Amino acid sequence: MSKRDDLIALYASELKSKCGVTADMDLLTKVTIGCGPSIYNKDSSTVACGQTSELETVKNNYLIKKLGLNDDSKLDAAIKEVCEQMGSSNKNKYRAMFYYLLCVKFGKQNAY
């Protein structure tokens, strides 16, 4: 298996064990590929829910630009919900998992 395949398997396992979500493997694969090389970098592979600037980047670059959503308070609320869903004590809020959960939350699977 490739490193990307290993990461996708890890993300699916973490979604199941930490979030209680059984991943749609096809969508999870597409979201992971969409993250590009950031999944291989220790810093960029995770989302820091405590950093306002990072959450703004998620909102602007992913929710608005990639998924085509309108900028409103629902976006901030959804990001906060995903942060809570992934667990405040969980240091590894993997970007691909975070984006996957947001994609499903807004029903934007067709963006992939």
PDB file of N, CA and C in Angstrom:
ATOM      1  N   MET A   1       0.831  -1.189   0.000  1.00  0.00           N
ATOM      2  CA  MET A   1       0.000   0.000   0.000  1.00  0.00           C
ATOM      3  C   MET A   1       0.869   1.244   0.000  1.00  0.00           C
ATOM      4  N   SER A   2       0.349   2.282  -0.616  1.00  0.00           N
ATOM      5  CA  SER A   2       1.076   3.547  -0.652  1.00  0.00           C
ATOM      6  C   SER A   2       0.878   4.286   0.670  1.00  0.00           C
ATOM      7  N   LYS A   3       1.668   5.305   0.861  1.00  0.00           N
ATOM      8  CA  LYS A   3       1.557   6.097   2.080  1.00  0.00           C
ATOM      9  C   LYS A   3       0.173   6.748   2.152  1.00  0.00           C
ATOM     10  N   ARG A   4      -0.333   7.213   0.999  1.00  0.00           N
ATOM     11  CA  ARG A   4      -1.661   7.825   0.977  1.00  0.00           C
ATOM     12  C   ARG A   4      -2.732   6.801   1.369  1.00  0.00           C
ATOM     13  N   ASP A   5      -2.625   5.583   0.851  1.00  0.00           N
ATOM     14  CA  ASP A   5      -3.589   4.535   1.205  1.00  0.00           C
ATOM     15  C   ASP A   5      -3.539   4.236   2.706  1.00  0.00           C
ATOM     16  N   ASP A   6      -2.343   4.232   3.261  1.00  0.00           N
ATOM     17  CA  ASP A   6      -2.187   4.015   4.700  1.00  0.00           C
ATOM     18  C   ASP A   6      -2.881   5.121   5.494  1.00  0.00           C
ATOM     19  N   LEU A   7      -2.716   6.360   5.036  1.00  0.00           N
ATOM     20  CA  LEU A   7      -3.349   7.489   5.724  1.00  0.00           C
ATOM     21  C   LEU A   7      -4.867   7.415   5.612  1.00  0.00           C
ATOM     22  N   ILE A   8      -5.379   7.054   4.442  1.00  0.00           N
ATOM     23  CA  ILE A   8      -6.827   6.938   4.264  1.00  0.00           C
ATOM     24  C   ILE A   8      -7.388   5.872   5.207  1.00  0.00           C
ATOM     25  N   ALA A   9      -6.687   4.760   5.339  1.00  0.00           N
ATOM     26  CA  ALA A   9      -7.109   3.702   6.271  1.00  0.00           C
ATOM     27  C   ALA A   9      -7.082   4.214   7.712  1.00  0.00           C
ATOM     28  N   LEU A  10      -6.061   4.989   8.059  1.00  0.00           N
ATOM     29  CA  LEU A  10      -5.978   5.589   9.392  1.00  0.00           C
ATOM     30  C   LEU A  10      -7.152   6.525   9.626  1.00  0.00           C
ATOM     31  N   TYR A  11      -7.444   7.384   8.645  1.00  0.00           N
ATOM     32  CA  TYR A  11      -8.547   8.343   8.784  1.00  0.00           C
ATOM     33  C   TYR A  11      -9.879   7.606   8.978  1.00  0.00           C
ATOM     34  N   ALA A  12     -10.111   6.551   8.204  1.00  0.00           N
ATOM     35  CA  ALA A  12     -11.358   5.787   8.324  1.00  0.00           C
ATOM     36  C   ALA A  12     -11.471   5.167   9.717  1.00  0.00           C
ATOM     37  N   SER A  13     -10.361   4.636  10.215  1.00  0.00           N
ATOM     38  CA  SER A  13     -10.335   4.036  11.534  1.00  0.00           C
ATOM     39  C   SER A  13     -10.600   5.073  12.620  1.00  0.00           C
ATOM     40  N   GLU A  14      -9.966   6.236  12.491  1.00  0.00           N
ATOM     41  CA  GLU A  14     -10.140   7.314  13.480  1.00  0.00           C
ATOM     42  C   GLU A  14     -11.567   7.869  13.440  1.00  0.00           C
ATOM     43  N   LEU A  15     -12.147   7.990  12.247  1.00  0.00           N
ATOM     44  CA  LEU A  15     -13.531   8.464  12.147  1.00  0.00           C
ATOM     45  C   LEU A  15     -14.461   7.514  12.898  1.00  0.00           C
ATOM     46  N   LYS A  16     -14.212   6.218  12.746  1.00  0.00           N
ATOM     47  CA  LYS A  16     -15.056   5.213  13.399  1.00  0.00           C
ATOM     48  C   LYS A  16     -14.858   5.232  14.913  1.00  0.00           C
ATOM     49  N   SER A  17     -13.595   5.209  15.363  1.00  0.00           N
ATOM     50  CA  SER A  17     -13.325   5.091  16.787  1.00  0.00           C
ATOM     51  C   SER A  17     -13.537   6.389  17.572  1.00  0.00           C
ATOM     52  N   LYS A  18     -13.220   7.526  16.991  1.00  0.00           N
ATOM     53  CA  LYS A  18     -13.285   8.786  17.739  1.00  0.00           C
ATOM     54  C   LYS A  18     -14.545   9.596  17.473  1.00  0.00           C
ATOM     55  N   CYS A  19     -15.157   9.385  16.299  1.00  0.00           N
ATOM     56  CA  CYS A  19     -16.337  10.183  15.947  1.00  0.00           C
ATOM     57  C   CYS A  19     -17.591   9.341  15.780  1.00  0.00           C
ATOM     58  N   GLY A  20     -17.430   8.022  15.784  1.00  0.00           N
ATOM     59  CA  GLY A  20     -18.579   7.151  15.604  1.00  0.00           C
ATOM     60  C   GLY A  20     -19.165   7.208  14.202  1.00  0.00           C
ATOM     61  N   VAL A  21     -18.330   7.553  13.228  1.00  0.00           N
ATOM     62  CA  VAL A  21     -18.771   7.713  11.842  1.00  0.00           C
ATOM     63  C   VAL A  21     -18.149   6.618  10.981  1.00  0.00           C
ATOM     64  N   THR A  22     -18.995   5.915  10.240  1.00  0.00           N
ATOM     65  CA  THR A  22     -18.489   4.957   9.264  1.00  0.00           C
ATOM     66  C   THR A  22     -18.313   5.712   7.957  1.00  0.00           C
ATOM     67  N   ALA A  23     -17.083   5.822   7.511  1.00  0.00           N
ATOM     68  CA  ALA A  23     -16.758   6.655   6.355  1.00  0.00           C
ATOM     69  C   ALA A  23     -17.194   6.028   5.036  1.00  0.00           C
ATOM     70  N   ASP A  24     -17.642   6.885   4.141  1.00  0.00           N
ATOM     71  CA  ASP A  24     -17.833   6.514   2.741  1.00  0.00           C
ATOM     72  C   ASP A  24     -16.422   6.552   2.161  1.00  0.00           C
ATOM     73  N   MET A  25     -15.849   5.387   1.925  1.00  0.00           N
ATOM     74  CA  MET A  25     -14.434   5.305   1.548  1.00  0.00           C
ATOM     75  C   MET A  25     -14.132   6.029   0.239  1.00  0.00           C
ATOM     76  N   ASP A  26     -15.063   6.018  -0.699  1.00  0.00           N
ATOM     77  CA  ASP A  26     -14.858   6.716  -1.963  1.00  0.00           C
ATOM     78  C   ASP A  26     -14.740   8.224  -1.717  1.00  0.00           C
ATOM     79  N   LEU A  27     -15.664   8.767  -0.919  1.00  0.00           N
ATOM     80  CA  LEU A  27     -15.623  10.200  -0.614  1.00  0.00           C
ATOM     81  C   LEU A  27     -14.391  10.545   0.223  1.00  0.00           C
ATOM     82  N   LEU A  28     -14.073   9.719   1.213  1.00  0.00           N
ATOM     83  CA  LEU A  28     -12.903   9.980   2.052  1.00  0.00           C
ATOM     84  C   LEU A  28     -11.628   9.995   1.201  1.00  0.00           C
ATOM     85  N   THR A  29     -11.542   9.090   0.251  1.00  0.00           N
ATOM     86  CA  THR A  29     -10.385   9.055  -0.656  1.00  0.00           C
ATOM     87  C   THR A  29     -10.307  10.331  -1.475  1.00  0.00           C
ATOM     88  N   LYS A  30     -11.432  10.773  -2.006  1.00  0.00           N
ATOM     89  CA  LYS A  30     -11.454  11.992  -2.829  1.00  0.00           C
ATOM     90  C   LYS A  30     -11.098  13.229  -2.002  1.00  0.00           C
ATOM     91  N   VAL A  31     -11.625  13.306  -0.786  1.00  0.00           N
ATOM     92  CA  VAL A  31     -11.312  14.443   0.093  1.00  0.00           C
ATOM     93  C   VAL A  31      -9.822  14.440   0.429  1.00  0.00           C
ATOM     94  N   THR A  32      -9.291  13.263   0.728  1.00  0.00           N
ATOM     95  CA  THR A  32      -7.863  13.146   1.068  1.00  0.00           C
ATOM     96  C   THR A  32      -6.998  13.573  -0.112  1.00  0.00           C
ATOM     97  N   ILE A  33      -7.324  13.119  -1.300  1.00  0.00           N
ATOM     98  CA  ILE A  33      -6.575  13.517  -2.497  1.00  0.00           C
ATOM     99  C   ILE A  33      -6.677  15.028  -2.697  1.00  0.00           C
ATOM    100  N   GLY A  34      -7.857  15.580  -2.417  1.00  0.00           N
ATOM    101  CA  GLY A  34      -8.066  17.025  -2.550  1.00  0.00           C
ATOM    102  C   GLY A  34      -7.215  17.851  -1.596  1.00  0.00           C
ATOM    103  N   CYS A  35      -6.809  17.254  -0.497  1.00  0.00           N
ATOM    104  CA  CYS A  35      -5.948  17.962   0.464  1.00  0.00           C
ATOM    105  C   CYS A  35      -4.522  18.120  -0.075  1.00  0.00           C
ATOM    106  N   GLY A  36      -4.183  17.327  -1.076  1.00  0.00           N
ATOM    107  CA  GLY A  36      -2.862  17.433  -1.694  1.00  0.00           C
ATOM    108  C   GLY A  36      -1.743  17.031  -0.744  1.00  0.00           C
ATOM    109  N   PRO A  37      -0.577  17.624  -0.952  1.00  0.00           N
ATOM    110  CA  PRO A  37       0.596  17.231  -0.162  1.00  0.00           C
ATOM    111  C   PRO A  37       0.525  17.627   1.310  1.00  0.00           C
ATOM    112  N   SER A  38      -0.468  18.417   1.691  1.00  0.00           N
ATOM    113  CA  SER A  38      -0.558  18.841   3.094  1.00  0.00           C
ATOM    114  C   SER A  38      -0.722  17.657   4.045  1.00  0.00           C
ATOM    115  N   ILE A  39      -1.255  16.528   3.563  1.00  0.00           N
ATOM    116  CA  ILE A  39      -1.477  15.379   4.446  1.00  0.00           C
ATOM    117  C   ILE A  39      -0.174  14.722   4.888  1.00  0.00           C
ATOM    118  N   TYR A  40       0.917  15.022   4.207  1.00  0.00           N
ATOM    119  CA  TYR A  40       2.205  14.407   4.532  1.00  0.00           C
ATOM    120  C   TYR A  40       3.054  15.258   5.473  1.00  0.00           C
ATOM    121  N   ASN A  41       2.634  16.487   5.735  1.00  0.00           N
ATOM    122  CA  ASN A  41       3.376  17.405   6.583  1.00  0.00           C
ATOM    123  C   ASN A  41       2.759  17.410   7.979  1.00  0.00           C
ATOM    124  N   LYS A  42       3.578  17.201   8.995  1.00  0.00           N
ATOM    125  CA  LYS A  42       3.072  17.092  10.368  1.00  0.00           C
ATOM    126  C   LYS A  42       2.208  18.286  10.764  1.00  0.00           C
ATOM    127  N   ASP A  43       2.628  19.494  10.440  1.00  0.00           N
ATOM    128  CA  ASP A  43       1.890  20.683  10.838  1.00  0.00           C
ATOM    129  C   ASP A  43       0.616  20.871  10.006  1.00  0.00           C
ATOM    130  N   SER A  44       0.724  20.764   8.700  1.00  0.00           N
ATOM    131  CA  SER A  44      -0.432  21.053   7.852  1.00  0.00           C
ATOM    132  C   SER A  44      -1.419  19.892   7.748  1.00  0.00           C
ATOM    133  N   SER A  45      -1.044  18.722   8.248  1.00  0.00           N
ATOM    134  CA  SER A  45      -1.950  17.576   8.153  1.00  0.00           C
ATOM    135  C   SER A  45      -3.065  17.622   9.202  1.00  0.00           C
ATOM    136  N   THR A  46      -2.942  18.532  10.163  1.00  0.00           N
ATOM    137  CA  THR A  46      -3.957  18.646  11.208  1.00  0.00           C
ATOM    138  C   THR A  46      -4.546  20.049  11.242  1.00  0.00           C
ATOM    139  N   VAL A  47      -5.715  20.145  11.855  1.00  0.00           N
ATOM    140  CA  VAL A  47      -6.386  21.429  12.034  1.00  0.00           C
ATOM    141  C   VAL A  47      -6.327  21.770  13.517  1.00  0.00           C
ATOM    142  N   ALA A  48      -5.862  22.970  13.819  1.00  0.00           N
ATOM    143  CA  ALA A  48      -5.775  23.431  15.209  1.00  0.00           C
ATOM    144  C   ALA A  48      -7.029  24.245  15.525  1.00  0.00           C
ATOM    145  N   CYS A  49      -7.951  23.634  16.247  1.00  0.00           N
ATOM    146  CA  CYS A  49      -9.217  24.311  16.545  1.00  0.00           C
ATOM    147  C   CYS A  49      -9.038  25.526  17.462  1.00  0.00           C
ATOM    148  N   GLY A  50      -7.916  25.609  18.132  1.00  0.00           N
ATOM    149  CA  GLY A  50      -7.657  26.739  19.012  1.00  0.00           C
ATOM    150  C   GLY A  50      -7.087  27.958  18.306  1.00  0.00           C
ATOM    151  N   GLN A  51      -6.788  27.821  17.024  1.00  0.00           N
ATOM    152  CA  GLN A  51      -6.211  28.936  16.268  1.00  0.00           C
ATOM    153  C   GLN A  51      -7.266  29.546  15.349  1.00  0.00           C
ATOM    154  N   THR A  52      -7.677  30.759  15.694  1.00  0.00           N
ATOM    155  CA  THR A  52      -8.705  31.444  14.918  1.00  0.00           C
ATOM    156  C   THR A  52      -8.300  31.603  13.468  1.00  0.00           C
ATOM    157  N   SER A  53      -7.029  31.917  13.221  1.00  0.00           N
ATOM    158  CA  SER A  53      -6.574  32.117  11.836  1.00  0.00           C
ATOM    159  C   SER A  53      -6.694  30.830  11.026  1.00  0.00           C
ATOM    160  N   GLU A  54      -6.427  29.701  11.653  1.00  0.00           N
ATOM    161  CA  GLU A  54      -6.543  28.419  10.950  1.00  0.00           C
ATOM    162  C   GLU A  54      -8.001  28.108  10.608  1.00  0.00           C
ATOM    163  N   LEU A  55      -8.890  28.396  11.543  1.00  0.00           N
ATOM    164  CA  LEU A  55     -10.305  28.146  11.301  1.00  0.00           C
ATOM    165  C   LEU A  55     -10.851  29.059  10.214  1.00  0.00           C
ATOM    166  N   GLU A  56     -10.330  30.282  10.147  1.00  0.00           N
ATOM    167  CA  GLU A  56     -10.714  31.199   9.065  1.00  0.00           C
ATOM    168  C   GLU A  56     -10.241  30.658   7.712  1.00  0.00           C
ATOM    169  N   THR A  57      -9.052  30.066   7.709  1.00  0.00           N
ATOM    170  CA  THR A  57      -8.517  29.475   6.478  1.00  0.00           C
ATOM    171  C   THR A  57      -9.391  28.303   6.034  1.00  0.00           C
ATOM    172  N   VAL A  58      -9.798  27.467   6.974  1.00  0.00           N
ATOM    173  CA  VAL A  58     -10.694  26.344   6.653  1.00  0.00           C
ATOM    174  C   VAL A  58     -11.987  26.891   6.050  1.00  0.00           C
ATOM    175  N   LYS A  59     -12.529  27.917   6.688  1.00  0.00           N
ATOM    176  CA  LYS A  59     -13.790  28.495   6.213  1.00  0.00           C
ATOM    177  C   LYS A  59     -13.641  29.083   4.809  1.00  0.00           C
ATOM    178  N   ASN A  60     -12.603  29.911   4.617  1.00  0.00           N
ATOM    179  CA  ASN A  60     -12.443  30.602   3.334  1.00  0.00           C
ATOM    180  C   ASN A  60     -11.987  29.679   2.207  1.00  0.00           C
ATOM    181  N   ASN A  61     -10.968  28.880   2.473  1.00  0.00           N
ATOM    182  CA  ASN A  61     -10.393  28.065   1.401  1.00  0.00           C
ATOM    183  C   ASN A  61     -11.158  26.777   1.129  1.00  0.00           C
ATOM    184  N   TYR A  62     -11.772  26.217   2.146  1.00  0.00           N
ATOM    185  CA  TYR A  62     -12.482  24.951   1.925  1.00  0.00           C
ATOM    186  C   TYR A  62     -13.989  25.158   1.762  1.00  0.00           C
ATOM    187  N   LEU A  63     -14.623  25.721   2.781  1.00  0.00           N
ATOM    188  CA  LEU A  63     -16.074  25.825   2.734  1.00  0.00           C
ATOM    189  C   LEU A  63     -16.568  26.787   1.656  1.00  0.00           C
ATOM    190  N   ILE A  64     -15.925  27.932   1.532  1.00  0.00           N
ATOM    191  CA  ILE A  64     -16.399  28.928   0.571  1.00  0.00           C
ATOM    192  C   ILE A  64     -15.862  28.658  -0.837  1.00  0.00           C
ATOM    193  N   LYS A  65     -14.543  28.498  -0.961  1.00  0.00           N
ATOM    194  CA  LYS A  65     -13.958  28.313  -2.301  1.00  0.00           C
ATOM    195  C   LYS A  65     -14.191  26.918  -2.865  1.00  0.00           C
ATOM    196  N   LYS A  66     -13.923  25.873  -2.089  1.00  0.00           N
ATOM    197  CA  LYS A  66     -14.026  24.503  -2.607  1.00  0.00           C
ATOM    198  C   LYS A  66     -15.473  24.022  -2.677  1.00  0.00           C
ATOM    199  N   LEU A  67     -16.208  24.201  -1.566  1.00  0.00           N
ATOM    200  CA  LEU A  67     -17.579  23.692  -1.535  1.00  0.00           C
ATOM    201  C   LEU A  67     -18.611  24.684  -2.065  1.00  0.00           C
ATOM    202  N   GLY A  68     -18.204  25.939  -2.253  1.00  0.00           N
ATOM    203  CA  GLY A  68     -19.099  26.936  -2.836  1.00  0.00           C
ATOM    204  C   GLY A  68     -20.205  27.422  -1.909  1.00  0.00           C
ATOM    205  N   LEU A  69     -19.954  27.389  -0.600  1.00  0.00           N
ATOM    206  CA  LEU A  69     -20.952  27.840   0.362  1.00  0.00           C
ATOM    207  C   LEU A  69     -20.863  29.355   0.552  1.00  0.00           C
ATOM    208  N   ASN A  70     -21.974  29.957   0.982  1.00  0.00           N
ATOM    209  CA  ASN A  70     -21.995  31.392   1.260  1.00  0.00           C
ATOM    210  C   ASN A  70     -21.469  31.650   2.662  1.00  0.00           C
ATOM    211  N   ASP A  71     -20.742  32.751   2.808  1.00  0.00           N
ATOM    212  CA  ASP A  71     -20.152  33.106   4.100  1.00  0.00           C
ATOM    213  C   ASP A  71     -21.255  33.592   5.039  1.00  0.00           C
ATOM    214  N   ASP A  72     -21.576  32.788   6.035  1.00  0.00           N
ATOM    215  CA  ASP A  72     -22.513  33.209   7.067  1.00  0.00           C
ATOM    216  C   ASP A  72     -22.191  32.499   8.381  1.00  0.00           C
ATOM    217  N   SER A  73     -22.974  32.769   9.389  1.00  0.00           N
ATOM    218  CA  SER A  73     -22.687  32.227  10.721  1.00  0.00           C
ATOM    219  C   SER A  73     -22.799  30.704  10.771  1.00  0.00           C
ATOM    220  N   LYS A  74     -23.519  30.097   9.826  1.00  0.00           N
ATOM    221  CA  LYS A  74     -23.654  28.640   9.811  1.00  0.00           C
ATOM    222  C   LYS A  74     -22.295  27.969   9.602  1.00  0.00           C
ATOM    223  N   LEU A  75     -21.410  28.615   8.857  1.00  0.00           N
ATOM    224  CA  LEU A  75     -20.090  28.038   8.595  1.00  0.00           C
ATOM    225  C   LEU A  75     -19.277  27.959   9.877  1.00  0.00           C
ATOM    226  N   ASP A  76     -19.251  29.054  10.619  1.00  0.00           N
ATOM    227  CA  ASP A  76     -18.518  29.078  11.886  1.00  0.00           C
ATOM    228  C   ASP A  76     -19.096  28.060  12.870  1.00  0.00           C
ATOM    229  N   ALA A  77     -20.419  27.957  12.912  1.00  0.00           N
ATOM    230  CA  ALA A  77     -21.073  27.012  13.811  1.00  0.00           C
ATOM    231  C   ALA A  77     -20.717  25.569  13.430  1.00  0.00           C
ATOM    232  N   ALA A  78     -20.689  25.281  12.139  1.00  0.00           N
ATOM    233  CA  ALA A  78     -20.350  23.932  11.673  1.00  0.00           C
ATOM    234  C   ALA A  78     -18.902  23.582  12.000  1.00  0.00           C
ATOM    235  N   ILE A  79     -18.003  24.535  11.824  1.00  0.00           N
ATOM    236  CA  ILE A  79     -16.595  24.296  12.158  1.00  0.00           C
ATOM    237  C   ILE A  79     -16.467  23.996  13.650  1.00  0.00           C
ATOM    238  N   LYS A  80     -17.173  24.759  14.467  1.00  0.00           N
ATOM    239  CA  LYS A  80     -17.133  24.536  15.916  1.00  0.00           C
ATOM    240  C   LYS A  80     -17.686  23.155  16.254  1.00  0.00           C
ATOM    241  N   GLU A  81     -18.778  22.763  15.606  1.00  0.00           N
ATOM    242  CA  GLU A  81     -19.372  21.439  15.843  1.00  0.00           C
ATOM    243  C   GLU A  81     -18.393  20.319  15.498  1.00  0.00           C
ATOM    244  N   VAL A  82     -17.685  20.460  14.373  1.00  0.00           N
ATOM    245  CA  VAL A  82     -16.724  19.434  13.967  1.00  0.00           C
ATOM    246  C   VAL A  82     -15.557  19.387  14.948  1.00  0.00           C
ATOM    247  N   CYS A  83     -15.113  20.540  15.421  1.00  0.00           N
ATOM    248  CA  CYS A  83     -14.053  20.560  16.439  1.00  0.00           C
ATOM    249  C   CYS A  83     -14.499  19.771  17.666  1.00  0.00           C
ATOM    250  N   GLU A  84     -15.741  19.989  18.101  1.00  0.00           N
ATOM    251  CA  GLU A  84     -16.266  19.288  19.267  1.00  0.00           C
ATOM    252  C   GLU A  84     -16.462  17.804  18.972  1.00  0.00           C
ATOM    253  N   GLN A  85     -16.949  17.492  17.764  1.00  0.00           N
ATOM    254  CA  GLN A  85     -17.178  16.099  17.380  1.00  0.00           C
ATOM    255  C   GLN A  85     -15.876  15.307  17.385  1.00  0.00           C
ATOM    256  N   MET A  86     -14.795  15.948  16.958  1.00  0.00           N
ATOM    257  CA  MET A  86     -13.506  15.272  16.902  1.00  0.00           C
ATOM    258  C   MET A  86     -12.844  15.191  18.282  1.00  0.00           C
ATOM    259  N   GLY A  87     -13.347  15.953  19.236  1.00  0.00           N
ATOM    260  CA  GLY A  87     -12.866  15.864  20.612  1.00  0.00           C
ATOM    261  C   GLY A  87     -11.824  16.906  20.958  1.00  0.00           C
ATOM    262  N   SER A  88     -12.073  17.633  22.040  1.00  0.00           N
ATOM    263  CA  SER A  88     -11.148  18.692  22.448  1.00  0.00           C
ATOM    264  C   SER A  88      -9.810  18.134  22.908  1.00  0.00           C
ATOM    265  N   SER A  89      -9.804  16.914  23.439  1.00  0.00           N
ATOM    266  CA  SER A  89      -8.540  16.336  23.901  1.00  0.00           C
ATOM    267  C   SER A  89      -7.771  15.647  22.770  1.00  0.00           C
ATOM    268  N   ASN A  90      -8.401  15.513  21.614  1.00  0.00           N
ATOM    269  CA  ASN A  90      -7.767  14.863  20.468  1.00  0.00           C
ATOM    270  C   ASN A  90      -6.820  15.846  19.780  1.00  0.00           C
ATOM    271  N   LYS A  91      -5.528  15.600  19.892  1.00  0.00           N
ATOM    272  CA  LYS A  91      -4.543  16.494  19.276  1.00  0.00           C
ATOM    273  C   LYS A  91      -4.473  16.296  17.762  1.00  0.00           C
ATOM    274  N   ASN A  92      -4.835  15.105  17.294  1.00  0.00           N
ATOM    275  CA  ASN A  92      -4.727  14.796  15.871  1.00  0.00           C
ATOM    276  C   ASN A  92      -6.060  14.959  15.156  1.00  0.00           C
ATOM    277  N   LYS A  93      -6.441  16.203  14.949  1.00  0.00           N
ATOM    278  CA  LYS A  93      -7.635  16.483  14.164  1.00  0.00           C
ATOM    279  C   LYS A  93      -7.170  16.568  12.699  1.00  0.00           C
ATOM    280  N   TYR A  94      -7.072  15.397  12.102  1.00  0.00           N
ATOM    281  CA  TYR A  94      -6.530  15.337  10.744  1.00  0.00           C
ATOM    282  C   TYR A  94      -7.378  16.144   9.775  1.00  0.00           C
ATOM    283  N   ARG A  95      -6.700  16.923   8.947  1.00  0.00           N
ATOM    284  CA  ARG A  95      -7.350  17.822   7.992  1.00  0.00           C
ATOM    285  C   ARG A  95      -8.317  17.067   7.082  1.00  0.00           C
ATOM    286  N   ALA A  96      -7.912  15.927   6.561  1.00  0.00           N
ATOM    287  CA  ALA A  96      -8.788  15.178   5.649  1.00  0.00           C
ATOM    288  C   ALA A  96     -10.060  14.736   6.367  1.00  0.00           C
ATOM    289  N   MET A  97      -9.942  14.312   7.611  1.00  0.00           N
ATOM    290  CA  MET A  97     -11.124  13.924   8.384  1.00  0.00           C
ATOM    291  C   MET A  97     -12.006  15.138   8.661  1.00  0.00           C
ATOM    292  N   PHE A  98     -11.383  16.230   9.010  1.00  0.00           N
ATOM    293  CA  PHE A  98     -12.095  17.470   9.310  1.00  0.00           C
ATOM    294  C   PHE A  98     -12.891  17.908   8.086  1.00  0.00           C
ATOM    295  N   TYR A  99     -12.245  17.918   6.915  1.00  0.00           N
ATOM    296  CA  TYR A  99     -12.908  18.313   5.677  1.00  0.00           C
ATOM    297  C   TYR A  99     -14.011  17.320   5.304  1.00  0.00           C
ATOM    298  N   TYR A 100     -13.751  16.046   5.516  1.00  0.00           N
ATOM    299  CA  TYR A 100     -14.759  15.015   5.222  1.00  0.00           C
ATOM    300  C   TYR A 100     -16.030  15.281   6.038  1.00  0.00           C
ATOM    301  N   LEU A 101     -15.867  15.509   7.340  1.00  0.00           N
ATOM    302  CA  LEU A 101     -17.023  15.750   8.209  1.00  0.00           C
ATOM    303  C   LEU A 101     -17.779  17.009   7.800  1.00  0.00           C
ATOM    304  N   LEU A 102     -17.055  18.059   7.424  1.00  0.00           N
ATOM    305  CA  LEU A 102     -17.713  19.285   6.968  1.00  0.00           C
ATOM    306  C   LEU A 102     -18.459  19.051   5.654  1.00  0.00           C
ATOM    307  N   CYS A 103     -17.843  18.324   4.752  1.00  0.00           N
ATOM    308  CA  CYS A 103     -18.455  18.018   3.458  1.00  0.00           C
ATOM    309  C   CYS A 103     -19.776  17.279   3.653  1.00  0.00           C
ATOM    310  N   VAL A 104     -19.767  16.277   4.509  1.00  0.00           N
ATOM    311  CA  VAL A 104     -20.980  15.498   4.782  1.00  0.00           C
ATOM    312  C   VAL A 104     -22.019  16.353   5.503  1.00  0.00           C
ATOM    313  N   LYS A 105     -21.570  17.157   6.473  1.00  0.00           N
ATOM    314  CA  LYS A 105     -22.478  18.017   7.242  1.00  0.00           C
ATOM    315  C   LYS A 105     -23.281  18.952   6.326  1.00  0.00           C
ATOM    316  N   PHE A 106     -22.624  19.469   5.287  1.00  0.00           N
ATOM    317  CA  PHE A 106     -23.304  20.388   4.374  1.00  0.00           C
ATOM    318  C   PHE A 106     -23.892  19.683   3.152  1.00  0.00           C
ATOM    319  N   GLY A 107     -23.749  18.357   3.077  1.00  0.00           N
ATOM    320  CA  GLY A 107     -24.303  17.612   1.949  1.00  0.00           C
ATOM    321  C   GLY A 107     -23.681  17.994   0.614  1.00  0.00           C
ATOM    322  N   LYS A 108     -22.381  18.277   0.628  1.00  0.00           N
ATOM    323  CA  LYS A 108     -21.689  18.741  -0.572  1.00  0.00           C
ATOM    324  C   LYS A 108     -20.808  17.672  -1.202  1.00  0.00           C
ATOM    325  N   GLN A 109     -21.197  16.414  -1.065  1.00  0.00           N
ATOM    326  CA  GLN A 109     -20.415  15.318  -1.632  1.00  0.00           C
ATOM    327  C   GLN A 109     -20.240  15.467  -3.137  1.00  0.00           C
ATOM    328  N   ASN A 110     -21.197  16.137  -3.783  1.00  0.00           N
ATOM    329  CA  ASN A 110     -21.085  16.312  -5.243  1.00  0.00           C
ATOM    330  C   ASN A 110     -19.972  17.260  -5.652  1.00  0.00           C
ATOM    331  N   ALA A 111     -19.345  17.947  -4.683  1.00  0.00           N
ATOM    332  CA  ALA A 111     -18.195  18.808  -5.001  1.00  0.00           C
ATOM    333  C   ALA A 111     -16.999  17.971  -5.415  1.00  0.00           C
ATOM    334  N   TYR A 112     -17.055  16.683  -5.123  1.00  0.00           N
ATOM    335  CA  TYR A 112     -15.983  15.765  -5.486  1.00  0.00           C
ATOM    336  C   TYR A 112     -16.451  14.852  -6.601  1.00  0.00           C
TER     337      TYR A 112
END
